[in-house]
Amino acid sequence: MSKTAVKKLHWRSKVQDSFVPLLGSPGELGIAIGGGADYGEFPFVTSAPGGGLTVGDIILEIGGTPVLGMTLGDVRGVLNSCPHPIRIKTVSPGSTLCKDLRLYLSKCFTPGSVDSQLQQVIRENLYLRAVPCTTRQPRDGEISGINYNFVSIEEFFSLEESGALLESGKRHNAPYIQVCRMCCLCA
């Protein structure tokens, strides 16, 4: 008897399209959100008193704007600036797309795939609010906290061990790191 391999459905096929309802008070939205790049997570639904959304689901888009990789404040800004009714795309977390932003960014995907393209969108959103860190010395005209945050190798390993880094690696034999502006090092 031969076994038939069951191919798992990609997370993209499970995306849900909903509308955020307004509640009783003027301007009060029927959704609360948490996570965000400043916490190393994708934005997700923390409560949905208006119904139609599932608590814990990852928020992909709000009003057509991709929000993965944005800080919580930026996601809330997008949510509050959208005209009503607000269209929101969510997906339940799974093995490939979980709430952990760092884990997703560390994965290798086929170039041009949905996941590879999503990683690019995430990085573009991250770079709006992130200042890269480096262990090299500043060059002429570079300002710490604007161009880079300059850290020692010891600080690098401490940040890496504590889980404060969104991405890390080596470039030209020197550690390369990406820290969110909201981390204590970059504040």
N, C-alpha and C. Protein backbone atom coordinates (compact mmCIF):
# COMPACT_ATOMS: atom_id res chain seq x y z
N MET A 1 0.84 -1.18 0.00
CA MET A 1 0.00 0.00 0.00
C MET A 1 0.88 1.24 0.00
N SER A 2 0.68 2.10 -0.93
CA SER A 2 1.51 3.30 -1.03
C SER A 2 0.92 4.43 -0.19
N LYS A 3 1.83 5.21 0.32
CA LYS A 3 1.39 6.37 1.11
C LYS A 3 1.32 7.58 0.21
N THR A 4 0.29 8.32 0.34
CA THR A 4 0.13 9.56 -0.40
C THR A 4 0.53 10.71 0.50
N ALA A 5 1.47 11.50 0.01
CA ALA A 5 1.90 12.65 0.81
C ALA A 5 0.82 13.72 0.76
N VAL A 6 0.47 14.19 1.93
CA VAL A 6 -0.52 15.25 2.02
C VAL A 6 0.23 16.57 2.12
N LYS A 7 0.06 17.39 1.12
CA LYS A 7 0.73 18.68 1.11
C LYS A 7 -0.05 19.66 1.98
N LYS A 8 0.67 20.27 2.92
CA LYS A 8 0.03 21.26 3.79
C LYS A 8 -0.33 22.49 2.97
N LEU A 9 -1.42 23.10 3.31
CA LEU A 9 -1.81 24.34 2.66
C LEU A 9 -0.91 25.46 3.15
N HIS A 10 -0.47 26.28 2.24
CA HIS A 10 0.36 27.42 2.58
C HIS A 10 -0.48 28.42 3.38
N TRP A 11 0.14 29.15 4.30
CA TRP A 11 -0.59 30.11 5.13
C TRP A 11 -1.35 31.12 4.28
N ARG A 12 -0.84 31.43 3.07
CA ARG A 12 -1.46 32.43 2.22
C ARG A 12 -2.88 32.02 1.82
N SER A 13 -3.12 30.71 1.74
CA SER A 13 -4.46 30.24 1.37
C SER A 13 -5.45 30.34 2.53
N LYS A 14 -4.96 30.70 3.71
CA LYS A 14 -5.82 30.77 4.90
C LYS A 14 -6.08 32.21 5.36
N VAL A 15 -5.71 33.17 4.52
CA VAL A 15 -5.90 34.59 4.87
C VAL A 15 -7.39 34.90 4.94
N GLN A 16 -7.76 35.62 6.00
CA GLN A 16 -9.16 36.01 6.20
C GLN A 16 -9.29 37.52 5.98
N ASP A 17 -10.33 37.89 5.29
CA ASP A 17 -10.61 39.29 5.00
C ASP A 17 -11.82 39.70 5.83
N SER A 18 -11.67 40.71 6.68
CA SER A 18 -12.75 41.14 7.57
C SER A 18 -12.85 42.66 7.56
N PHE A 19 -13.90 43.14 8.19
CA PHE A 19 -14.06 44.57 8.40
C PHE A 19 -14.14 44.83 9.89
N VAL A 20 -13.43 45.86 10.35
CA VAL A 20 -13.43 46.22 11.77
C VAL A 20 -14.66 47.07 12.03
N PRO A 21 -15.53 46.61 12.93
CA PRO A 21 -16.73 47.40 13.22
C PRO A 21 -16.44 48.56 14.17
N LEU A 22 -17.28 49.56 14.10
CA LEU A 22 -17.26 50.64 15.09
C LEU A 22 -18.15 50.22 16.24
N LEU A 23 -17.73 50.53 17.46
CA LEU A 23 -18.54 50.20 18.64
C LEU A 23 -19.38 51.41 19.02
N GLY A 24 -20.00 51.35 20.19
CA GLY A 24 -20.93 52.38 20.64
C GLY A 24 -20.42 53.80 20.63
N SER A 25 -19.22 54.03 21.19
CA SER A 25 -18.68 55.39 21.26
C SER A 25 -18.18 55.83 19.89
N PRO A 26 -18.32 57.12 19.59
CA PRO A 26 -17.81 57.62 18.30
C PRO A 26 -16.32 57.35 18.15
N GLY A 27 -15.94 56.71 17.06
CA GLY A 27 -14.54 56.43 16.79
C GLY A 27 -13.97 55.22 17.50
N GLU A 28 -14.75 54.56 18.36
CA GLU A 28 -14.24 53.40 19.09
C GLU A 28 -14.29 52.18 18.17
N LEU A 29 -13.12 51.59 17.95
CA LEU A 29 -13.01 50.45 17.04
C LEU A 29 -13.23 49.14 17.77
N GLY A 30 -13.73 48.16 17.05
CA GLY A 30 -13.99 46.84 17.62
C GLY A 30 -12.80 45.92 17.52
N ILE A 31 -11.61 46.43 17.81
CA ILE A 31 -10.39 45.62 17.78
C ILE A 31 -9.34 46.25 18.69
N ALA A 32 -8.55 45.41 19.33
CA ALA A 32 -7.36 45.84 20.05
C ALA A 32 -6.21 45.01 19.52
N ILE A 33 -5.04 45.63 19.41
CA ILE A 33 -3.90 44.93 18.83
C ILE A 33 -2.70 44.94 19.77
N GLY A 34 -1.84 43.96 19.59
CA GLY A 34 -0.60 43.86 20.36
C GLY A 34 0.53 43.46 19.44
N GLY A 35 1.68 43.17 20.04
CA GLY A 35 2.84 42.77 19.26
C GLY A 35 3.51 43.96 18.63
N GLY A 36 4.01 43.78 17.43
CA GLY A 36 4.72 44.84 16.72
C GLY A 36 6.22 44.60 16.75
N ALA A 37 6.91 45.20 15.81
CA ALA A 37 8.35 44.99 15.67
C ALA A 37 9.12 45.41 16.92
N ASP A 38 8.61 46.39 17.66
CA ASP A 38 9.29 46.83 18.87
C ASP A 38 9.28 45.75 19.95
N TYR A 39 8.47 44.72 19.77
CA TYR A 39 8.42 43.59 20.70
C TYR A 39 8.92 42.31 20.03
N GLY A 40 9.47 42.42 18.81
CA GLY A 40 9.97 41.26 18.09
C GLY A 40 8.87 40.34 17.61
N GLU A 41 7.67 40.89 17.44
CA GLU A 41 6.52 40.08 17.04
C GLU A 41 5.80 40.72 15.86
N PHE A 42 5.01 39.90 15.18
CA PHE A 42 4.08 40.43 14.20
C PHE A 42 2.92 41.05 14.96
N PRO A 43 2.26 42.05 14.40
CA PRO A 43 1.07 42.58 15.07
C PRO A 43 -0.03 41.51 15.07
N PHE A 44 -0.79 41.46 16.17
CA PHE A 44 -1.85 40.46 16.26
C PHE A 44 -3.04 41.01 17.03
N VAL A 45 -4.17 40.34 16.87
CA VAL A 45 -5.42 40.74 17.51
C VAL A 45 -5.37 40.31 18.98
N THR A 46 -5.57 41.26 19.91
CA THR A 46 -5.61 40.92 21.34
C THR A 46 -7.03 40.85 21.88
N SER A 47 -7.93 41.58 21.25
CA SER A 47 -9.36 41.44 21.57
C SER A 47 -10.17 41.95 20.39
N ALA A 48 -11.35 41.40 20.27
CA ALA A 48 -12.23 41.77 19.16
C ALA A 48 -13.66 41.85 19.66
N PRO A 49 -13.96 42.87 20.49
CA PRO A 49 -15.31 42.97 21.05
C PRO A 49 -16.39 43.17 19.99
N GLY A 50 -16.00 43.63 18.82
CA GLY A 50 -16.97 43.83 17.75
C GLY A 50 -17.24 42.57 16.95
N GLY A 51 -16.48 41.50 17.23
CA GLY A 51 -16.66 40.25 16.50
C GLY A 51 -16.01 40.30 15.13
N GLY A 52 -16.08 39.18 14.43
CA GLY A 52 -15.56 39.10 13.07
C GLY A 52 -14.07 38.81 12.98
N LEU A 53 -13.34 38.96 14.07
CA LEU A 53 -11.90 38.69 14.09
C LEU A 53 -11.60 37.69 15.19
N THR A 54 -10.49 36.98 15.05
CA THR A 54 -10.12 35.96 16.03
C THR A 54 -8.93 36.43 16.84
N VAL A 55 -9.06 36.39 18.16
CA VAL A 55 -7.97 36.78 19.05
C VAL A 55 -6.77 35.87 18.78
N GLY A 56 -5.60 36.48 18.66
CA GLY A 56 -4.37 35.74 18.39
C GLY A 56 -3.97 35.73 16.93
N ASP A 57 -4.89 36.07 16.04
CA ASP A 57 -4.56 36.08 14.61
C ASP A 57 -3.55 37.18 14.29
N ILE A 58 -2.67 36.89 13.35
CA ILE A 58 -1.66 37.83 12.88
C ILE A 58 -2.31 38.79 11.90
N ILE A 59 -2.01 40.07 12.05
CA ILE A 59 -2.57 41.10 11.16
C ILE A 59 -1.58 41.33 10.02
N LEU A 60 -2.03 41.05 8.81
CA LEU A 60 -1.19 41.21 7.62
C LEU A 60 -1.31 42.60 7.01
N GLU A 61 -2.55 43.05 6.86
CA GLU A 61 -2.81 44.35 6.22
C GLU A 61 -3.95 45.06 6.93
N ILE A 62 -3.88 46.38 6.92
CA ILE A 62 -4.97 47.21 7.41
C ILE A 62 -5.25 48.24 6.33
N GLY A 63 -6.46 48.23 5.82
CA GLY A 63 -6.84 49.19 4.77
C GLY A 63 -5.94 49.11 3.55
N GLY A 64 -5.43 47.93 3.23
CA GLY A 64 -4.57 47.75 2.07
C GLY A 64 -3.10 48.02 2.33
N THR A 65 -2.75 48.44 3.55
CA THR A 65 -1.35 48.72 3.90
C THR A 65 -0.75 47.52 4.61
N PRO A 66 0.33 46.93 4.08
CA PRO A 66 1.00 45.83 4.78
C PRO A 66 1.62 46.35 6.08
N VAL A 67 1.31 45.69 7.21
CA VAL A 67 1.78 46.18 8.51
C VAL A 67 2.81 45.27 9.18
N LEU A 68 3.13 44.13 8.57
CA LEU A 68 4.13 43.26 9.17
C LEU A 68 5.48 43.97 9.17
N GLY A 69 6.16 43.95 10.31
CA GLY A 69 7.43 44.64 10.45
C GLY A 69 7.31 46.04 10.99
N MET A 70 6.09 46.53 11.18
CA MET A 70 5.90 47.87 11.76
C MET A 70 5.88 47.78 13.29
N THR A 71 6.21 48.89 13.93
CA THR A 71 6.08 48.97 15.38
C THR A 71 4.59 49.00 15.74
N LEU A 72 4.30 48.70 16.99
CA LEU A 72 2.91 48.72 17.45
C LEU A 72 2.29 50.11 17.25
N GLY A 73 3.04 51.15 17.56
CA GLY A 73 2.54 52.51 17.37
C GLY A 73 2.22 52.82 15.92
N ASP A 74 3.06 52.36 15.02
CA ASP A 74 2.81 52.59 13.59
C ASP A 74 1.59 51.81 13.11
N VAL A 75 1.42 50.59 13.60
CA VAL A 75 0.25 49.79 13.23
C VAL A 75 -1.02 50.48 13.72
N ARG A 76 -0.98 50.97 14.96
CA ARG A 76 -2.14 51.69 15.50
C ARG A 76 -2.41 52.96 14.69
N GLY A 77 -1.34 53.62 14.25
CA GLY A 77 -1.49 54.81 13.42
C GLY A 77 -2.19 54.51 12.11
N VAL A 78 -1.82 53.40 11.47
CA VAL A 78 -2.48 52.98 10.23
C VAL A 78 -3.94 52.68 10.51
N LEU A 79 -4.20 51.95 11.59
CA LEU A 79 -5.57 51.57 11.96
C LEU A 79 -6.43 52.81 12.18
N ASN A 80 -5.90 53.78 12.91
CA ASN A 80 -6.69 54.98 13.24
C ASN A 80 -6.83 55.97 12.09
N SER A 81 -6.00 55.83 11.06
CA SER A 81 -6.08 56.78 9.95
C SER A 81 -6.91 56.26 8.77
N CYS A 82 -7.35 55.02 8.85
CA CYS A 82 -8.13 54.44 7.74
C CYS A 82 -9.58 54.92 7.78
N PRO A 83 -10.15 55.14 6.60
CA PRO A 83 -11.58 55.47 6.55
C PRO A 83 -12.41 54.23 6.89
N HIS A 84 -13.60 54.46 7.41
CA HIS A 84 -14.47 53.35 7.80
C HIS A 84 -15.35 52.94 6.64
N PRO A 85 -15.69 51.70 6.50
CA PRO A 85 -15.26 50.57 7.32
C PRO A 85 -13.81 50.19 7.00
N ILE A 86 -13.09 49.72 8.01
CA ILE A 86 -11.68 49.37 7.85
C ILE A 86 -11.57 47.90 7.47
N ARG A 87 -10.95 47.67 6.33
CA ARG A 87 -10.72 46.30 5.87
C ARG A 87 -9.41 45.81 6.48
N ILE A 88 -9.43 44.59 7.02
CA ILE A 88 -8.25 44.04 7.68
C ILE A 88 -8.05 42.60 7.21
N LYS A 89 -6.79 42.25 6.91
CA LYS A 89 -6.46 40.88 6.52
C LYS A 89 -5.67 40.24 7.65
N THR A 90 -6.12 39.06 8.05
CA THR A 90 -5.47 38.33 9.14
C THR A 90 -5.25 36.88 8.73
N VAL A 91 -4.42 36.20 9.50
CA VAL A 91 -4.20 34.77 9.31
C VAL A 91 -3.88 34.17 10.68
N SER A 92 -4.34 32.96 10.90
CA SER A 92 -4.02 32.27 12.15
C SER A 92 -2.55 31.88 12.13
N PRO A 93 -1.85 32.04 13.26
CA PRO A 93 -0.44 31.66 13.29
C PRO A 93 -0.28 30.16 13.10
N GLY A 94 0.80 29.78 12.46
CA GLY A 94 1.08 28.36 12.22
C GLY A 94 2.57 28.11 12.30
N SER A 95 3.01 27.00 11.74
CA SER A 95 4.42 26.62 11.84
C SER A 95 5.32 27.53 11.00
N THR A 96 4.87 27.96 9.85
CA THR A 96 5.70 28.83 9.01
C THR A 96 5.57 30.28 9.42
N LEU A 97 4.37 30.74 9.61
CA LEU A 97 4.12 32.14 9.96
C LEU A 97 3.58 32.18 11.39
N CYS A 98 4.50 32.29 12.35
CA CYS A 98 4.10 32.39 13.75
C CYS A 98 4.27 33.85 14.18
N LYS A 99 3.99 34.15 15.44
CA LYS A 99 4.07 35.54 15.90
C LYS A 99 5.50 36.07 16.00
N ASP A 100 6.48 35.17 16.02
CA ASP A 100 7.87 35.55 16.24
C ASP A 100 8.50 36.14 14.97
N LEU A 101 8.69 37.43 14.96
CA LEU A 101 9.26 38.14 13.82
C LEU A 101 10.68 37.69 13.53
N ARG A 102 11.48 37.52 14.57
CA ARG A 102 12.88 37.11 14.39
C ARG A 102 12.98 35.75 13.72
N LEU A 103 12.15 34.83 14.17
CA LEU A 103 12.17 33.48 13.61
C LEU A 103 11.83 33.51 12.12
N TYR A 104 10.82 34.25 11.75
CA TYR A 104 10.41 34.32 10.35
C TYR A 104 11.51 34.95 9.49
N LEU A 105 12.15 36.00 10.00
CA LEU A 105 13.22 36.65 9.24
C LEU A 105 14.45 35.78 9.11
N SER A 106 14.64 34.85 10.03
CA SER A 106 15.83 33.98 9.98
C SER A 106 15.68 32.82 9.00
N LYS A 107 14.47 32.58 8.52
CA LYS A 107 14.23 31.45 7.62
C LYS A 107 14.68 31.77 6.20
N CYS A 108 15.06 30.72 5.47
CA CYS A 108 15.45 30.85 4.07
C CYS A 108 14.31 30.36 3.20
N PHE A 109 13.88 31.20 2.28
CA PHE A 109 12.80 30.85 1.36
C PHE A 109 13.31 30.96 -0.08
N THR A 110 12.62 30.30 -0.97
CA THR A 110 12.96 30.36 -2.39
C THR A 110 12.80 31.80 -2.87
N PRO A 111 13.82 32.35 -3.54
CA PRO A 111 13.69 33.72 -4.06
C PRO A 111 12.46 33.86 -4.94
N GLY A 112 11.72 34.94 -4.72
CA GLY A 112 10.51 35.21 -5.50
C GLY A 112 9.26 34.57 -4.94
N SER A 113 9.40 33.71 -3.93
CA SER A 113 8.22 33.07 -3.34
C SER A 113 7.44 34.08 -2.50
N VAL A 114 6.21 33.72 -2.14
CA VAL A 114 5.38 34.60 -1.31
C VAL A 114 6.10 34.94 -0.01
N ASP A 115 6.73 33.95 0.60
CA ASP A 115 7.43 34.18 1.87
C ASP A 115 8.65 35.07 1.69
N SER A 116 9.39 34.87 0.62
CA SER A 116 10.55 35.71 0.34
C SER A 116 10.13 37.16 0.10
N GLN A 117 9.05 37.35 -0.64
CA GLN A 117 8.53 38.70 -0.88
C GLN A 117 8.04 39.34 0.41
N LEU A 118 7.40 38.53 1.27
CA LEU A 118 6.92 39.04 2.55
C LEU A 118 8.09 39.46 3.43
N GLN A 119 9.17 38.68 3.43
CA GLN A 119 10.36 39.07 4.19
C GLN A 119 10.87 40.44 3.74
N GLN A 120 10.82 40.70 2.44
CA GLN A 120 11.27 41.99 1.92
C GLN A 120 10.37 43.13 2.42
N VAL A 121 9.06 42.91 2.40
CA VAL A 121 8.12 43.92 2.91
C VAL A 121 8.39 44.18 4.39
N ILE A 122 8.60 43.11 5.15
CA ILE A 122 8.88 43.24 6.58
C ILE A 122 10.13 44.08 6.80
N ARG A 123 11.19 43.77 6.06
CA ARG A 123 12.44 44.52 6.22
C ARG A 123 12.25 45.99 5.85
N GLU A 124 11.50 46.27 4.80
CA GLU A 124 11.24 47.66 4.43
C GLU A 124 10.51 48.40 5.55
N ASN A 125 9.52 47.75 6.16
CA ASN A 125 8.80 48.37 7.28
C ASN A 125 9.70 48.52 8.50
N LEU A 126 10.55 47.53 8.75
CA LEU A 126 11.47 47.61 9.89
C LEU A 126 12.43 48.78 9.76
N TYR A 127 12.94 48.99 8.56
CA TYR A 127 13.94 50.01 8.36
C TYR A 127 13.38 51.42 8.49
N LEU A 128 12.05 51.55 8.51
CA LEU A 128 11.46 52.86 8.77
C LEU A 128 11.76 53.32 10.20
N ARG A 129 11.90 52.38 11.13
CA ARG A 129 12.06 52.71 12.55
C ARG A 129 13.29 52.09 13.19
N ALA A 130 14.14 51.49 12.39
CA ALA A 130 15.30 50.80 12.97
C ALA A 130 16.59 51.51 12.59
N VAL A 131 17.54 51.44 13.48
CA VAL A 131 18.88 51.93 13.21
C VAL A 131 19.79 50.72 13.33
N PRO A 132 20.51 50.37 12.26
CA PRO A 132 21.39 49.21 12.36
C PRO A 132 22.53 49.47 13.32
N CYS A 133 23.01 48.42 13.92
CA CYS A 133 24.15 48.50 14.82
C CYS A 133 25.34 47.83 14.15
N THR A 134 26.51 48.27 14.51
CA THR A 134 27.72 47.67 13.96
C THR A 134 28.81 47.68 15.01
N THR A 135 29.73 46.73 14.87
CA THR A 135 30.87 46.68 15.79
C THR A 135 32.07 47.42 15.22
N ARG A 136 31.96 47.94 14.01
CA ARG A 136 33.09 48.69 13.44
C ARG A 136 33.12 50.10 14.01
N GLN A 137 34.23 50.77 13.78
CA GLN A 137 34.40 52.15 14.23
C GLN A 137 33.65 53.10 13.30
N PRO A 138 33.17 54.24 13.82
CA PRO A 138 32.48 55.21 12.96
C PRO A 138 33.42 55.77 11.89
N ARG A 139 32.84 56.00 10.72
CA ARG A 139 33.57 56.67 9.64
C ARG A 139 33.29 58.17 9.73
N ASP A 140 34.06 58.94 9.01
CA ASP A 140 33.87 60.40 9.02
C ASP A 140 32.44 60.75 8.66
N GLY A 141 31.82 61.60 9.48
CA GLY A 141 30.47 62.08 9.21
C GLY A 141 29.36 61.20 9.74
N GLU A 142 29.66 59.99 10.20
CA GLU A 142 28.61 59.12 10.73
C GLU A 142 28.28 59.52 12.15
N ILE A 143 27.00 59.53 12.45
CA ILE A 143 26.53 59.93 13.77
C ILE A 143 25.88 58.74 14.44
N SER A 144 26.35 58.40 15.64
CA SER A 144 25.78 57.27 16.38
C SER A 144 24.32 57.55 16.70
N GLY A 145 23.47 56.56 16.45
CA GLY A 145 22.05 56.71 16.70
C GLY A 145 21.28 57.20 15.49
N ILE A 146 21.99 57.69 14.49
CA ILE A 146 21.33 58.14 13.26
C ILE A 146 21.73 57.24 12.10
N ASN A 147 23.05 57.16 11.83
CA ASN A 147 23.52 56.28 10.76
C ASN A 147 23.62 54.84 11.26
N TYR A 148 24.20 54.67 12.42
CA TYR A 148 24.38 53.37 13.07
C TYR A 148 24.40 53.60 14.56
N ASN A 149 24.23 52.52 15.30
CA ASN A 149 24.59 52.50 16.71
C ASN A 149 25.88 51.69 16.77
N PHE A 150 26.92 52.27 17.30
CA PHE A 150 28.22 51.62 17.34
C PHE A 150 28.35 50.91 18.69
N VAL A 151 28.55 49.60 18.64
CA VAL A 151 28.64 48.79 19.86
C VAL A 151 29.92 47.97 19.83
N SER A 152 30.35 47.57 21.01
CA SER A 152 31.53 46.70 21.10
C SER A 152 31.11 45.27 20.77
N ILE A 153 32.08 44.44 20.51
CA ILE A 153 31.77 43.02 20.23
C ILE A 153 31.13 42.39 21.46
N GLU A 154 31.56 42.78 22.65
CA GLU A 154 30.97 42.25 23.88
C GLU A 154 29.49 42.63 23.97
N GLU A 155 29.19 43.90 23.66
CA GLU A 155 27.78 44.34 23.65
C GLU A 155 26.98 43.57 22.62
N PHE A 156 27.59 43.32 21.46
CA PHE A 156 26.91 42.56 20.41
C PHE A 156 26.50 41.19 20.93
N PHE A 157 27.45 40.46 21.52
CA PHE A 157 27.14 39.11 22.00
C PHE A 157 26.12 39.14 23.13
N SER A 158 26.18 40.17 23.96
CA SER A 158 25.19 40.32 25.03
C SER A 158 23.79 40.55 24.46
N LEU A 159 23.69 41.43 23.46
CA LEU A 159 22.40 41.69 22.81
C LEU A 159 21.88 40.44 22.11
N GLU A 160 22.77 39.73 21.45
CA GLU A 160 22.37 38.52 20.73
C GLU A 160 21.86 37.46 21.70
N GLU A 161 22.58 37.28 22.81
CA GLU A 161 22.19 36.28 23.81
C GLU A 161 20.87 36.64 24.48
N SER A 162 20.61 37.92 24.68
CA SER A 162 19.38 38.35 25.36
C SER A 162 18.15 38.28 24.46
N GLY A 163 18.36 38.11 23.14
CA GLY A 163 17.24 38.05 22.21
C GLY A 163 16.75 39.42 21.77
N ALA A 164 17.54 40.46 22.01
CA ALA A 164 17.13 41.83 21.67
C ALA A 164 17.32 42.17 20.20
N LEU A 165 17.97 41.30 19.44
CA LEU A 165 18.26 41.61 18.04
C LEU A 165 17.20 41.05 17.13
N LEU A 166 16.80 41.84 16.16
CA LEU A 166 15.86 41.36 15.15
C LEU A 166 16.58 40.46 14.16
N GLU A 167 17.78 40.84 13.77
CA GLU A 167 18.60 40.05 12.85
C GLU A 167 20.04 40.20 13.29
N SER A 168 20.83 39.19 13.03
CA SER A 168 22.26 39.30 13.26
C SER A 168 22.97 38.35 12.30
N GLY A 169 24.22 38.63 12.07
CA GLY A 169 25.01 37.79 11.19
C GLY A 169 26.39 38.39 11.06
N LYS A 170 27.15 37.89 10.10
CA LYS A 170 28.48 38.42 9.86
C LYS A 170 28.55 38.96 8.45
N ARG A 171 29.16 40.11 8.33
CA ARG A 171 29.37 40.72 7.02
C ARG A 171 30.82 41.18 7.00
N HIS A 172 31.57 40.72 6.04
CA HIS A 172 32.99 41.04 5.94
C HIS A 172 33.71 40.69 7.24
N ASN A 173 33.37 39.52 7.81
CA ASN A 173 33.96 38.99 9.04
C ASN A 173 33.71 39.85 10.27
N ALA A 174 32.78 40.78 10.20
CA ALA A 174 32.42 41.58 11.37
C ALA A 174 30.94 41.33 11.66
N PRO A 175 30.56 41.22 12.95
CA PRO A 175 29.15 40.99 13.26
C PRO A 175 28.27 42.11 12.72
N TYR A 176 27.15 41.74 12.13
CA TYR A 176 26.15 42.70 11.64
C TYR A 176 24.89 42.47 12.44
N ILE A 177 24.26 43.53 12.91
CA ILE A 177 23.07 43.37 13.72
C ILE A 177 22.03 44.41 13.37
N GLN A 178 20.79 44.06 13.59
CA GLN A 178 19.69 44.99 13.36
C GLN A 178 18.89 45.05 14.66
N VAL A 179 18.83 46.20 15.27
CA VAL A 179 18.11 46.38 16.53
C VAL A 179 17.00 47.39 16.30
N CYS A 180 15.85 47.11 16.82
CA CYS A 180 14.73 48.04 16.68
C CYS A 180 15.02 49.30 17.48
N ARG A 181 14.61 50.45 16.97
CA ARG A 181 14.84 51.73 17.63
C ARG A 181 14.24 51.74 19.04
N MET A 182 13.24 50.91 19.29
CA MET A 182 12.58 50.92 20.59
C MET A 182 13.36 50.16 21.66
N CYS A 183 14.39 49.41 21.29
CA CYS A 183 15.18 48.69 22.27
C CYS A 183 15.96 49.69 23.12
N CYS A 184 16.29 49.29 24.33
CA CYS A 184 16.93 50.23 25.24
C CYS A 184 18.25 50.75 24.69
N LEU A 185 18.97 49.96 23.91
CA LEU A 185 20.24 50.41 23.36
C LEU A 185 20.05 51.59 22.43
N CYS A 186 18.94 51.59 21.70
CA CYS A 186 18.76 52.58 20.64
C CYS A 186 17.86 53.74 21.04
N ALA A 187 17.29 53.71 22.20
CA ALA A 187 16.32 54.75 22.57
C ALA A 187 16.97 56.10 22.71
